[in-house]
Amino acid sequence: MEALVTGSSGVLGHSLIPLLAARGDDLRLFDMVEPPQSLRARLAASGGDRIRVQEISADMRDRAALERAADGAEVLYHLAAGQRMKPQFSELSEEEIFSMNLDGVRNVLEAAKTRRVRKVVFISSSAVYGLPEDRLVGETNHPQKPLGAYGESKLQAEALCREAIEGGLDVTMLRPMSLFGDGMTGVFVLLFDWVRRNRRVFMLGSGLNRVQMVAADDVARAAIQAAVMPDTAGLAINIGSEPETVPTVRGQVEALIEYAGATSKFFGFPAELLRTAARFLNVFGLSPIVPEHYLLADRNFVLDISLAKERLRWQPESDNVKMTCDAYDWYCENWREVAPKPNPALRLLEALT
């Protein structure tokens, strides 16, 4: 089988590509940046020398490049997306993030249709739901009100996918929670940095809420299942850890601190105070977190994953604590390259507490 993977150098690519290689799939790796050495090492260890691997350096907004890359591919896994918490996109505006992501999906779907790709697996996001209103968020019983450009771009992209499905294209949409795995960036890297340096861990609220996560390896397995299972066209499917195993945020952080042998302490700020400060800092581009994070951080957010179990015959293999500890180990091995950039607001916070 020939598979095209967009956004191949990211967190999910680090997990999906070795699994595809182990299956014997020939690969086309499409990304703006060349695969990092860590991905090449995992690919080689998974049998990359026994398959054809083509690296394509291009932007997903380049329709012609996507059409060339899709020619002859049987499955297209669309992982690529811009998000302001990713360092390479931090300077982009909300409007630019929205436009880039939506144009990318539009081009992917057009390329898949033009080149007669059998299956498209689109990685959407739990961000399409916005503020969670239910104890267990289901695919069809919960409002979809994204909080920012990233979530809105995913929601609008799903609408494009449904239009393509009506036109005869086979597309399955996956809605994962926040991914943990090798190469991860974003707000959780701040947590790892605090724990590694034995500093206080600053959180919004008491930490007694429950927030589901998902391992990149588990999402990768779900994506492959979506590509091979019949009758999944048009489905939007939640992907997360087992809901019953999700601990409180405080419990998850304290489990990481114990695992790391650190002396860090949990420090919960009053939610509204920190939200107000983050809103103010965000106006001047100084907030270390984006609105999606400070609006959601003290809410319960757990997805119902029963549809994934039923239609994909998939089960998560990692729980919140295990995936956090595994990701922390990766961070400690690579912190010199991936440590968060110094932030004036965070420096002041550490100095005052």
Foldseek 3Di string as FASTA:
>chain_A
DEEEEEPLQAFLVLQQLLVCVLVVYAYEYEYQDWHDPSSVVSNVVSNVVRHHYHYHNDALLPLVSLLVSCAPGQEYEYPDADDCQPVVCVPPDLVVRLVSLLSSLLSNLVSCVVNVHQEYEYEAAPQQQAADDDLADEPPPGDGDHDTSRNVSSVVSLVVLVVSVVVPHFYAYEHEYAEFGFRDTGDVLVLLVCLVVLEADEAEPDQQAWEWHAYSNQVSLLSVLSSPFPPRGSYYAYDTADQVQTGGRQVLSVLLSVVSVGNYHYDYDHLVVVLVVQVVCVVVSQRSHDPSCSVHRPHHDHYDRVVSCPRSVGHGPDGSNVSSNNRSVSCVVPVVPHRDDDGPVVVVVRVVD
